């Protein structure tokens, strides 16, 4: 569970987008959108999210990786 903030490490090569998606499948925040060549530390600011379950999705257009996150206050 996350209450205020956390970070995730993304390993990739190329242009990626990391976003937060709510339980209804709606994108509610973009955490990162740019080039990565190796490892990028992406901050997750949970203060902007209401309590609940979310997915953090990293995508380069062809491939996706998803991480489940629960915001609890």
Protein backbone atom coordinates (compact mmCIF):
# COMPACT_ATOMS: atom_id res chain seq x y z
CA UNK A 1 0.00 0.00 0.00
CA UNK A 2 1.01 3.58 -0.70
CA UNK A 3 -0.20 6.52 1.39
CA UNK A 4 1.72 9.55 0.09
CA UNK A 5 4.45 8.61 -2.38
CA UNK A 6 6.56 5.79 -3.72
CA UNK A 7 8.86 5.10 -6.65
CA UNK A 8 9.15 2.40 -9.27
CA UNK A 9 12.18 1.44 -11.30
CA UNK A 10 11.57 1.03 -15.04
CA UNK A 11 14.10 -0.75 -17.26
CA UNK A 12 13.65 -0.05 -20.94
CA UNK A 13 15.25 1.24 -24.10
CA UNK A 14 13.38 3.81 -26.14
CA UNK A 15 10.34 6.02 -25.74
CA UNK A 16 8.01 4.95 -22.90
CA UNK A 17 4.94 6.24 -21.13
CA UNK A 18 4.16 5.41 -17.49
CA UNK A 19 0.61 6.16 -16.38
CA UNK A 20 -1.82 5.45 -13.54
CA UNK A 21 -5.10 3.74 -14.43
CA UNK A 22 -8.05 3.49 -12.02
CA UNK A 23 -10.29 0.44 -11.47
CA UNK A 24 -12.67 1.67 -14.20
CA UNK A 25 -9.83 1.60 -16.75
CA UNK A 26 -9.48 5.38 -16.96
CA UNK A 27 -6.05 6.97 -17.09
CA UNK A 28 -5.89 9.37 -14.15
CA UNK A 29 -2.26 10.51 -14.26
CA UNK A 30 0.86 10.42 -16.42
CA UNK A 31 3.98 9.79 -14.35
CA UNK A 32 6.58 9.74 -17.13
CA UNK A 33 6.61 10.23 -20.88
CA UNK A 34 9.99 10.19 -22.59
CA UNK A 35 13.13 8.36 -23.58
CA UNK A 36 14.80 5.74 -21.39
CA UNK A 37 18.07 4.02 -22.08
CA UNK A 38 18.56 1.64 -19.19
CA UNK A 39 16.87 2.35 -15.87
CA UNK A 40 14.60 5.25 -14.90
CA UNK A 41 13.29 5.91 -11.39
CA UNK A 42 9.69 7.11 -11.66
CA UNK A 43 8.06 8.82 -8.67
CA UNK A 44 4.47 7.95 -7.81
CA UNK A 45 2.78 10.90 -6.08
CA UNK A 46 -0.20 9.23 -4.39
CA UNK A 47 -1.33 12.49 -2.77
CA UNK A 48 -3.20 13.26 -5.99
CA UNK A 49 -5.15 9.96 -5.86
CA UNK A 50 -8.13 8.95 -3.77
CA UNK A 51 -7.95 5.73 -1.75
CA UNK A 52 -8.42 2.63 -3.88
CA UNK A 53 -6.82 0.20 -6.31
CA UNK A 54 -4.84 1.38 -9.33
CA UNK A 55 -2.55 -0.03 -11.99
CA UNK A 56 0.69 1.64 -12.98
CA UNK A 57 1.18 0.88 -16.67
CA UNK A 58 4.48 1.26 -18.53
CA UNK A 59 4.17 1.04 -22.30
CA UNK A 60 6.35 1.61 -25.33
CA UNK A 61 3.48 1.20 -27.80
CA UNK A 62 4.10 -2.49 -28.52
CA UNK A 63 4.77 -3.88 -25.02
CA UNK A 64 3.12 -3.22 -21.65
CA UNK A 65 4.04 -3.91 -18.05
CA UNK A 66 1.51 -3.45 -15.24
CA UNK A 67 2.01 -3.06 -11.50
CA UNK A 68 -0.94 -3.08 -9.07
CA UNK A 69 -0.92 -0.36 -6.41
CA UNK A 70 -3.30 0.26 -3.52
CA UNK A 71 -3.59 3.79 -2.16
CA UNK A 72 -4.60 3.71 1.50
CA UNK A 73 -4.96 6.65 3.84
